[in-house]
């Protein structure tokens, strides 16, 4: 993400970045050029060319539909503004975030794209949503009423997404509220329904019957609600086939290199590389222990290396005694508990010449894909990415330019295409 000098938090964008930092640990309160910035030891590299390639891979799965991008949680820990700018260069016109603060930060950085807020029109958010042209996903009749009232007061047709719950029982209009909305369609008269959406709960679970049931429910509701883009598929849903694509798909983790279906070969390219330098190497003998609570007992003479990464940086404690890293081309196991600031590695098989202070250790990357790192930590790549912490020095591979457009072309303003569909 961006970098701020703490004493110079003056511009609107800086204030938004600082507010968003409270929500996402992926933000660095460090300025380029300050002495501290030159001494951040751990490097998080984001390959924007591979990110754009992943977006293209997803587009190639579609037959005439469109791919948006889910960039919530600070772009899954990688930098919302940077990844969104790169994806806009690749032709992505529509972005989804979870919270208003995320939408405000993204709008400050990119003007001419459509930004949707999953949490919808919460109390106290309406003015900011309207002022910054953010589109709420309306999750209840209460939110629909709040947004419609704002439209009437301003004598302005406001764009909206209608979110229907088809079986996850989190957000979205439940079956009873959806039935009311179908019977009382006048509730939407003041609004321009840009999208009707739902969200798949088990698309990445092999042999699950839930996606097909959610698809059936969504299709049934979709036929009875106002026109607009229909959107159901997340990353995993995209690879379930064309029946799930509708007009718009919403990839998230797949863009950042996570596998859409963990039980299958990953078609996506790795986007993230996390490396840390060796702080210290020591010899150990049989009978020694490593780390807190002595969870690793040394069973042969060997060498232990310590690196400056821990759970404070989002490298999960559940990776203790199970994850692996690489020193050069040699795989080394993480031994002992992941502590707040440090990880210990068994580097017995690594040549002494490779174990000098400052030598790089790869924790995530081409040799340890994000899915593998997450699996060994007993979690999913979504969590592993979103947890990536604030103390990493973030760098980006691949040019960031102003989003490319064809001559005279711009993305439709919110609702333009759906208005044509509604008239047609």
Protein backbone atom coordinates (compact mmCIF):
# COMPACT_ATOMS: atom_id res chain seq x y z
CA UNK A 1 0.00 0.00 0.00
CA UNK A 2 0.97 3.65 0.11
CA UNK A 3 3.36 5.10 2.62
CA UNK A 4 2.70 8.07 4.92
CA UNK A 5 4.88 10.33 6.98
CA UNK A 6 3.01 10.29 10.35
CA UNK A 7 3.48 14.02 10.90
CA UNK A 8 2.16 14.96 7.46
CA UNK A 9 -1.24 13.30 7.29
CA UNK A 10 -2.97 16.18 5.57
CA UNK A 11 -4.58 15.19 2.26
CA UNK A 12 -7.90 13.40 1.98
CA UNK A 13 -6.20 10.35 0.49
CA UNK A 14 -3.73 10.23 3.38
CA UNK A 15 -6.54 10.39 5.91
CA UNK A 16 -8.35 7.59 4.09
CA UNK A 17 -5.21 5.49 3.96
CA UNK A 18 -4.64 5.99 7.68
CA UNK A 19 -8.25 5.03 8.44
CA UNK A 20 -7.98 1.96 6.26
CA UNK A 21 -4.79 0.95 8.06
CA UNK A 22 -6.91 0.38 11.15
CA UNK A 23 -8.86 -2.19 9.15
CA UNK A 24 -6.02 -3.91 7.33
CA UNK A 25 -2.61 -4.81 8.64
CA UNK A 26 -1.23 -4.65 5.11
CA UNK A 27 -0.65 -0.91 5.40
CA UNK A 28 2.77 0.61 6.09
CA UNK A 29 2.99 3.82 8.15
CA UNK A 30 6.47 4.40 6.76
CA UNK A 31 7.58 6.97 4.22
CA UNK A 32 9.92 6.28 1.33
CA UNK A 33 13.14 8.03 2.23
CA UNK A 34 12.77 7.91 6.01
CA UNK A 35 15.61 6.09 7.75
CA UNK A 36 13.25 3.36 8.98
CA UNK A 37 12.18 2.49 5.44
CA UNK A 38 15.75 1.55 4.52
CA UNK A 39 15.90 -1.02 7.29
CA UNK A 40 12.74 -3.06 6.79
CA UNK A 41 14.28 -6.52 6.51
CA UNK A 42 11.42 -8.58 5.07
CA UNK A 43 10.40 -8.23 1.42
CA UNK A 44 6.92 -8.81 0.03
CA UNK A 45 7.04 -8.67 -3.77
CA UNK A 46 3.85 -8.47 -5.83
CA UNK A 47 4.17 -9.43 -9.50
CA UNK A 48 1.67 -7.20 -11.29
CA UNK A 49 2.35 -8.81 -14.66
CA UNK A 50 1.27 -12.17 -13.26
CA UNK A 51 -1.75 -10.51 -11.67
CA UNK A 52 -2.79 -9.16 -15.05
CA UNK A 53 -2.18 -12.58 -16.60
CA UNK A 54 -4.47 -14.17 -14.01
CA UNK A 55 -7.19 -11.67 -14.89
CA UNK A 56 -6.81 -12.63 -18.55
CA UNK A 57 -6.96 -16.35 -17.69
CA UNK A 58 -10.29 -15.72 -15.98
CA UNK A 59 -11.64 -13.68 -18.89
CA UNK A 60 -10.81 -16.54 -21.23
CA UNK A 61 -13.14 -18.80 -19.23
CA UNK A 62 -16.08 -16.57 -20.12
CA UNK A 63 -18.25 -16.51 -23.20
CA UNK A 64 -19.15 -12.87 -23.58
CA UNK A 65 -19.50 -12.09 -19.87
CA UNK A 66 -17.42 -9.67 -17.87
CA UNK A 67 -14.95 -10.13 -15.03
CA UNK A 68 -14.92 -7.71 -12.11
CA UNK A 69 -12.24 -7.82 -9.39
CA UNK A 70 -12.70 -8.30 -5.65
CA UNK A 71 -10.09 -6.11 -3.95
CA UNK A 72 -11.38 -6.10 -0.36
CA UNK A 73 -9.06 -6.52 2.63
CA UNK A 74 -6.45 -4.25 1.05
CA UNK A 75 -6.46 -6.24 -2.16
CA UNK A 76 -6.09 -9.51 -0.23
CA UNK A 77 -3.11 -8.03 1.59
CA UNK A 78 -1.23 -6.96 -1.54
CA UNK A 79 -2.25 -3.29 -1.84
CA UNK A 80 -5.72 -2.34 -2.99
CA UNK A 81 -4.70 0.73 -4.99
CA UNK A 82 -1.75 -0.95 -6.69
CA UNK A 83 -3.54 -4.14 -7.71
CA UNK A 84 -6.66 -2.23 -8.80
CA UNK A 85 -4.61 0.12 -10.95
CA UNK A 86 -2.86 -2.83 -12.57
CA UNK A 87 -6.17 -4.59 -13.23
CA UNK A 88 -7.72 -1.43 -14.64
CA UNK A 89 -4.82 -1.35 -17.08
CA UNK A 90 -5.88 -4.81 -18.15
CA UNK A 91 -9.43 -3.62 -18.83
CA UNK A 92 -11.17 -4.30 -15.54
CA UNK A 93 -13.91 -1.69 -15.06
CA UNK A 94 -15.72 -2.97 -11.97
CA UNK A 95 -14.33 -3.51 -8.48
CA UNK A 96 -15.82 -4.88 -5.25
CA UNK A 97 -14.76 -3.97 -1.72
CA UNK A 98 -16.25 -4.91 1.63
CA UNK A 99 -16.29 -1.65 3.57
CA UNK A 100 -16.93 2.00 2.85
CA UNK A 101 -13.40 3.06 3.87
CA UNK A 102 -11.97 0.71 1.24
CA UNK A 103 -14.24 2.17 -1.41
CA UNK A 104 -13.28 5.73 -0.50
CA UNK A 105 -9.58 4.93 -0.74
CA UNK A 106 -10.02 3.24 -4.11
CA UNK A 107 -12.16 6.06 -5.49
CA UNK A 108 -9.51 8.60 -4.47
CA UNK A 109 -6.98 6.66 -6.54
CA UNK A 110 -9.08 5.69 -9.59
CA UNK A 111 -11.89 7.89 -10.79
CA UNK A 112 -13.44 6.26 -13.84
CA UNK A 113 -14.36 2.77 -12.63
CA UNK A 114 -17.38 1.25 -10.94
CA UNK A 115 -16.88 0.46 -7.23
CA UNK A 116 -19.30 -1.73 -5.26
CA UNK A 117 -19.46 -2.02 -1.47
CA UNK A 118 -20.54 -5.44 -0.20
CA UNK A 119 -21.64 -4.18 3.21
CA UNK A 120 -24.23 -1.97 1.57
CA UNK A 121 -25.98 1.18 2.78
CA UNK A 122 -25.27 1.02 6.49
CA UNK A 123 -26.53 3.80 8.80
CA UNK A 124 -24.36 6.88 8.43
CA UNK A 125 -22.83 5.87 5.09
CA UNK A 126 -25.34 7.20 2.58
CA UNK A 127 -23.82 10.65 2.02
CA UNK A 128 -20.33 9.28 1.42
CA UNK A 129 -21.60 6.55 -0.88
CA UNK A 130 -23.39 9.09 -3.03
CA UNK A 131 -20.67 11.75 -2.99
CA UNK A 132 -17.99 9.30 -4.08
CA UNK A 133 -20.14 7.36 -6.56
CA UNK A 134 -19.96 4.07 -4.67
CA UNK A 135 -22.63 1.45 -5.32
CA UNK A 136 -23.97 -0.39 -2.27
CA UNK A 137 -24.95 -4.05 -2.34
CA UNK A 138 -28.32 -3.76 -0.61
CA UNK A 139 -28.59 -6.72 1.75
CA UNK A 140 -32.00 -6.22 3.36
CA UNK A 141 -35.33 -4.44 2.95
CA UNK A 142 -34.09 -1.96 5.53
CA UNK A 143 -31.10 -1.05 3.36
CA UNK A 144 -33.30 -0.84 0.26
CA UNK A 145 -35.62 1.56 2.08
CA UNK A 146 -32.69 3.68 3.29
CA UNK A 147 -31.17 3.92 -0.20
CA UNK A 148 -34.51 4.56 -1.90
CA UNK A 149 -35.31 7.32 0.58
CA UNK A 150 -31.99 8.98 -0.22
CA UNK A 151 -32.81 8.79 -3.93
CA UNK A 152 -36.21 10.41 -3.40
CA UNK A 153 -34.78 13.19 -1.25
CA UNK A 154 -32.20 14.00 -3.91
CA UNK A 155 -34.62 13.44 -6.80
CA UNK A 156 -31.91 11.25 -8.28
CA UNK A 157 -32.08 7.65 -9.47
CA UNK A 158 -29.32 5.98 -7.46
CA UNK A 159 -27.51 2.85 -8.69
CA UNK A 160 -27.74 -0.25 -6.51
CA UNK A 161 -26.91 -3.92 -6.37
CA UNK A 162 -29.54 -6.24 -4.91
CA UNK A 163 -27.93 -9.05 -2.93
CA UNK A 164 -30.03 -12.21 -2.52
CA UNK A 165 -29.05 -14.90 -0.05
CA UNK A 166 -29.38 -18.30 -1.74
CA UNK A 167 -28.15 -20.47 1.09
CA UNK A 168 -25.16 -19.05 2.98
CA UNK A 169 -27.24 -17.30 5.66
CA UNK A 170 -24.82 -14.42 6.09
CA UNK A 171 -25.74 -11.24 4.21
CA UNK A 172 -28.35 -10.71 1.53
CA UNK A 173 -32.13 -10.76 1.37
CA UNK A 174 -33.46 -14.00 2.82
CA UNK A 175 -36.28 -15.96 1.21
CA UNK A 176 -39.01 -14.02 3.05
CA UNK A 177 -37.56 -10.62 2.20
CA UNK A 178 -37.00 -11.64 -1.41
CA UNK A 179 -40.64 -12.70 -1.66
CA UNK A 180 -41.72 -9.31 -0.31
CA UNK A 181 -39.50 -7.52 -2.82
CA UNK A 182 -40.92 -9.54 -5.71
CA UNK A 183 -44.49 -8.76 -4.61
CA UNK A 184 -43.72 -5.10 -3.86
CA UNK A 185 -41.44 -4.17 -6.73
CA UNK A 186 -42.36 -0.50 -6.19
CA UNK A 187 -39.74 -0.47 -3.42
CA UNK A 188 -37.15 -0.25 -6.22
CA UNK A 189 -38.86 2.46 -8.28
CA UNK A 190 -36.43 5.19 -7.19
CA UNK A 191 -33.37 3.02 -7.87
CA UNK A 192 -31.41 1.86 -10.87
CA UNK A 193 -30.68 -1.81 -10.21
CA UNK A 194 -27.25 -2.29 -11.75
CA UNK A 195 -26.71 -5.85 -10.50
CA UNK A 196 -28.59 -8.69 -8.91
CA UNK A 197 -26.10 -10.91 -7.11
CA UNK A 198 -25.67 -13.83 -4.78
CA UNK A 199 -22.63 -15.62 -3.42
CA UNK A 200 -21.63 -19.29 -3.59
CA UNK A 201 -20.73 -20.97 -0.33
CA UNK A 202 -19.17 -24.27 -1.39
CA UNK A 203 -18.02 -23.85 -4.97
CA UNK A 204 -14.51 -24.98 -4.00
CA UNK A 205 -15.71 -28.12 -2.20
CA UNK A 206 -15.46 -31.22 -4.36
CA UNK A 207 -18.76 -33.06 -4.86
CA UNK A 208 -20.78 -30.48 -2.93
CA UNK A 209 -24.40 -30.22 -4.03
CA UNK A 210 -24.82 -26.73 -2.58
CA UNK A 211 -23.63 -24.79 -5.68
CA UNK A 212 -26.25 -26.43 -7.90
CA UNK A 213 -28.97 -25.68 -5.35
CA UNK A 214 -27.84 -22.08 -5.04
CA UNK A 215 -27.80 -21.78 -8.82
CA UNK A 216 -31.38 -23.07 -9.00
CA UNK A 217 -32.56 -20.58 -6.38
CA UNK A 218 -30.71 -17.69 -7.99
CA UNK A 219 -32.17 -18.40 -11.41
CA UNK A 220 -35.68 -18.59 -9.94
CA UNK A 221 -35.32 -15.25 -8.12
CA UNK A 222 -33.50 -13.63 -11.01
CA UNK A 223 -36.45 -14.12 -13.36
CA UNK A 224 -38.73 -12.19 -10.99
CA UNK A 225 -36.49 -9.23 -10.20
CA UNK A 226 -35.57 -6.12 -12.24
CA UNK A 227 -33.14 -6.38 -15.08
CA UNK A 228 -29.47 -5.60 -14.61
CA UNK A 229 -26.32 -7.64 -14.59
CA UNK A 230 -26.67 -10.99 -12.87
CA UNK A 231 -23.66 -12.12 -10.85
CA UNK A 232 -23.15 -15.35 -8.90
CA UNK A 233 -19.67 -16.81 -9.42
CA UNK A 234 -16.67 -16.19 -7.20
CA UNK A 235 -13.22 -17.57 -8.08
CA UNK A 236 -14.25 -21.18 -7.56
CA UNK A 237 -17.64 -20.69 -9.20
CA UNK A 238 -16.04 -19.44 -12.41
CA UNK A 239 -14.44 -22.84 -12.93
CA UNK A 240 -17.70 -24.73 -12.35
CA UNK A 241 -18.71 -23.88 -15.89
CA UNK A 242 -20.73 -21.41 -17.99
CA UNK A 243 -24.02 -22.02 -16.15
CA UNK A 244 -22.59 -20.06 -13.21
CA UNK A 245 -21.17 -17.13 -15.17
CA UNK A 246 -24.25 -15.04 -16.03
CA UNK A 247 -23.27 -11.46 -16.97
CA UNK A 248 -20.52 -10.81 -14.44
CA UNK A 249 -18.12 -12.92 -12.38
CA UNK A 250 -16.36 -11.73 -9.24
CA UNK A 251 -12.93 -13.36 -8.87
CA UNK A 252 -10.95 -12.71 -5.73
CA UNK A 253 -8.30 -15.13 -4.52
CA UNK A 254 -7.67 -16.55 -8.01
CA UNK A 255 -6.41 -13.16 -9.16
CA UNK A 256 -3.74 -13.29 -6.47
CA UNK A 257 -2.55 -16.80 -7.31
CA UNK A 258 -4.78 -18.90 -5.05
CA UNK A 259 -6.21 -22.08 -6.53
CA UNK A 260 -9.93 -21.87 -7.37
CA UNK A 261 -10.24 -25.59 -6.57
CA UNK A 262 -7.65 -26.89 -4.10
CA UNK A 263 -8.20 -30.51 -5.20
CA UNK A 264 -7.23 -29.69 -8.79
CA UNK A 265 -4.17 -28.32 -10.55
CA UNK A 266 -3.95 -24.58 -10.04
CA UNK A 267 -4.35 -22.74 -13.39
CA UNK A 268 -3.31 -19.40 -11.89
CA UNK A 269 0.15 -17.88 -11.69
CA UNK A 270 1.84 -17.12 -8.37
CA UNK A 271 1.71 -13.40 -7.64
CA UNK A 272 3.34 -13.12 -4.19
CA UNK A 273 6.90 -13.71 -3.05
CA UNK A 274 7.78 -13.34 0.63
CA UNK A 275 11.46 -13.44 1.59
CA UNK A 276 13.23 -12.76 4.87
CA UNK A 277 16.94 -12.58 5.75
CA UNK A 278 18.73 -14.90 8.10
CA UNK A 279 19.41 -13.19 11.42
CA UNK A 280 21.45 -15.84 13.13
CA UNK A 281 22.57 -19.47 12.74
CA UNK A 282 23.49 -21.71 15.67
CA UNK A 283 24.55 -25.31 16.14
CA UNK A 284 22.32 -27.64 18.14
CA UNK A 285 22.83 -31.10 19.57
CA UNK A 286 20.61 -34.01 20.52
CA UNK A 287 18.61 -33.10 23.60
CA UNK A 288 18.26 -29.40 22.75
CA UNK A 289 14.86 -27.78 22.23
CA UNK A 290 13.77 -25.01 19.89
CA UNK A 291 11.29 -22.20 20.55
CA UNK A 292 8.50 -21.58 23.03
CA UNK A 293 7.11 -24.52 25.02
CA UNK A 294 9.94 -26.74 23.71
CA UNK A 295 7.66 -28.14 21.00
CA UNK A 296 10.62 -29.23 18.85
CA UNK A 297 13.16 -31.62 20.31
CA UNK A 298 16.43 -31.91 18.40
CA UNK A 299 17.04 -35.53 17.41
CA UNK A 300 20.33 -35.11 15.53
CA UNK A 301 23.22 -32.65 15.56
CA UNK A 302 22.43 -29.81 13.20
CA UNK A 303 21.98 -26.11 12.50
CA UNK A 304 19.09 -23.77 13.26
CA UNK A 305 18.55 -20.45 11.46
CA UNK A 306 16.34 -17.66 12.77
CA UNK A 307 14.54 -15.16 10.52
CA UNK A 308 12.64 -11.94 11.49
CA UNK A 309 9.05 -12.93 10.64
CA UNK A 310 6.31 -13.97 13.04
CA UNK A 311 2.61 -13.97 13.67
CA UNK A 312 2.72 -10.18 14.17
CA UNK A 313 3.50 -10.09 10.44
CA UNK A 314 0.60 -12.37 9.57
CA UNK A 315 2.67 -15.53 9.23
CA UNK A 316 0.26 -17.74 11.07
CA UNK A 317 1.15 -19.46 14.32
CA UNK A 318 -0.60 -22.55 13.03
CA UNK A 319 2.38 -22.99 10.66
CA UNK A 320 4.51 -24.01 13.65
CA UNK A 321 6.36 -27.30 13.14
CA UNK A 322 4.60 -27.86 9.80
CA UNK A 323 5.46 -25.22 7.18
CA UNK A 324 8.55 -25.18 4.97
CA UNK A 325 10.78 -22.53 3.44
CA UNK A 326 13.65 -22.49 0.96
CA UNK A 327 17.24 -21.37 1.28
CA UNK A 328 18.32 -21.24 -2.32
CA UNK A 329 17.03 -24.48 -3.81
CA UNK A 330 17.07 -26.42 -0.52
CA UNK A 331 13.78 -27.01 1.28
CA UNK A 332 14.04 -26.43 5.03
CA UNK A 333 11.33 -27.14 7.63
CA UNK A 334 10.05 -24.60 10.12
CA UNK A 335 10.74 -26.03 13.57
CA UNK A 336 9.41 -24.87 16.89
CA UNK A 337 6.59 -22.40 17.34
CA UNK A 338 6.13 -19.37 15.14
CA UNK A 339 6.53 -16.55 17.65
CA UNK A 340 5.53 -12.89 17.41
CA UNK A 341 8.64 -11.75 15.55
CA UNK A 342 10.74 -14.82 14.77
CA UNK A 343 10.70 -18.16 12.95
CA UNK A 344 13.27 -20.92 13.33
CA UNK A 345 14.35 -23.26 10.54
CA UNK A 346 16.26 -26.52 10.42
CA UNK A 347 19.04 -25.68 7.96
CA UNK A 348 21.22 -28.70 8.64
CA UNK A 349 21.15 -29.71 4.96
CA UNK A 350 22.15 -26.25 3.69
CA UNK A 351 25.80 -25.54 2.88
CA UNK A 352 27.52 -23.23 5.34
CA UNK A 353 28.36 -20.87 2.49
CA UNK A 354 24.61 -20.19 2.03
CA UNK A 355 23.94 -19.42 5.70
CA UNK A 356 25.52 -16.02 6.18
CA UNK A 357 23.69 -13.22 7.95
CA UNK A 358 21.27 -11.57 5.52
CA UNK A 359 20.95 -14.59 3.22
CA UNK A 360 17.38 -14.66 1.79
CA UNK A 361 14.85 -17.30 2.80
CA UNK A 362 11.73 -17.81 0.67
CA UNK A 363 8.58 -18.35 2.73
CA UNK A 364 6.04 -17.86 -0.08
CA UNK A 365 6.79 -17.86 -3.79
CA UNK A 366 7.40 -20.09 -6.77
CA UNK A 367 8.97 -22.77 -4.56
CA UNK A 368 6.33 -22.45 -1.82
CA UNK A 369 3.08 -21.49 -3.59
CA UNK A 370 0.53 -19.63 -1.50
CA UNK A 371 -1.78 -22.67 -1.49
CA UNK A 372 0.99 -24.88 -0.16
CA UNK A 373 1.93 -22.38 2.53
CA UNK A 374 -1.72 -22.13 3.57
CA UNK A 375 -2.26 -25.90 3.55
CA UNK A 376 0.71 -26.46 5.82
CA UNK A 377 -0.71 -23.82 8.19
CA UNK A 378 -4.05 -25.61 8.23
CA UNK A 379 -5.92 -22.80 6.53
CA UNK A 380 -6.85 -21.39 3.12
CA UNK A 381 -4.90 -19.08 0.84
CA UNK A 382 -7.49 -16.32 1.41
CA UNK A 383 -6.54 -16.08 5.09
CA UNK A 384 -2.83 -16.38 4.43
CA UNK A 385 -2.91 -13.51 1.94
CA UNK A 386 -5.23 -11.25 3.94
CA UNK A 387 -3.06 -11.68 7.04
CA UNK A 388 0.10 -10.38 5.36
CA UNK A 389 1.35 -7.81 7.79
CA UNK A 390 2.43 -4.20 8.04
CA UNK A 391 6.14 -4.73 8.64
CA UNK A 392 6.93 -6.01 5.17
CA UNK A 393 8.69 -3.87 2.60
CA UNK A 394 6.28 -4.07 -0.32
CA UNK A 395 7.55 -3.81 -3.87
CA UNK A 396 5.81 -4.27 -7.20
CA UNK A 397 7.11 -5.93 -10.34
CA UNK A 398 5.51 -4.61 -13.52
CA UNK A 399 4.82 -1.10 -14.72
CA UNK A 400 1.95 0.88 -13.19
CA UNK A 401 0.48 3.33 -15.69
CA UNK A 402 -2.77 5.18 -15.97
CA UNK A 403 -5.46 2.63 -16.86
CA UNK A 404 -5.36 2.05 -20.62
CA UNK A 405 -8.48 2.75 -22.65
CA UNK A 406 -9.22 2.45 -26.32
CA UNK A 407 -9.47 5.78 -28.10
CA UNK A 408 -12.65 7.50 -27.03
CA UNK A 409 -13.66 4.57 -24.79
CA UNK A 410 -14.55 4.65 -21.15
CA UNK A 411 -16.37 2.20 -18.89
CA UNK A 412 -20.08 2.72 -18.58
CA UNK A 413 -21.13 4.97 -15.75
CA UNK A 414 -22.93 3.00 -13.04
CA UNK A 415 -26.12 1.58 -14.46
CA UNK A 416 -25.76 2.68 -18.08
CA UNK A 417 -25.80 -0.79 -19.58
CA UNK A 418 -28.53 -2.06 -17.29
CA UNK A 419 -30.69 0.93 -18.19
CA UNK A 420 -30.47 -0.09 -21.84
CA UNK A 421 -31.39 -3.64 -20.92
CA UNK A 422 -34.34 -2.43 -18.89
CA UNK A 423 -35.56 -0.29 -21.81
CA UNK A 424 -35.01 -3.19 -24.23
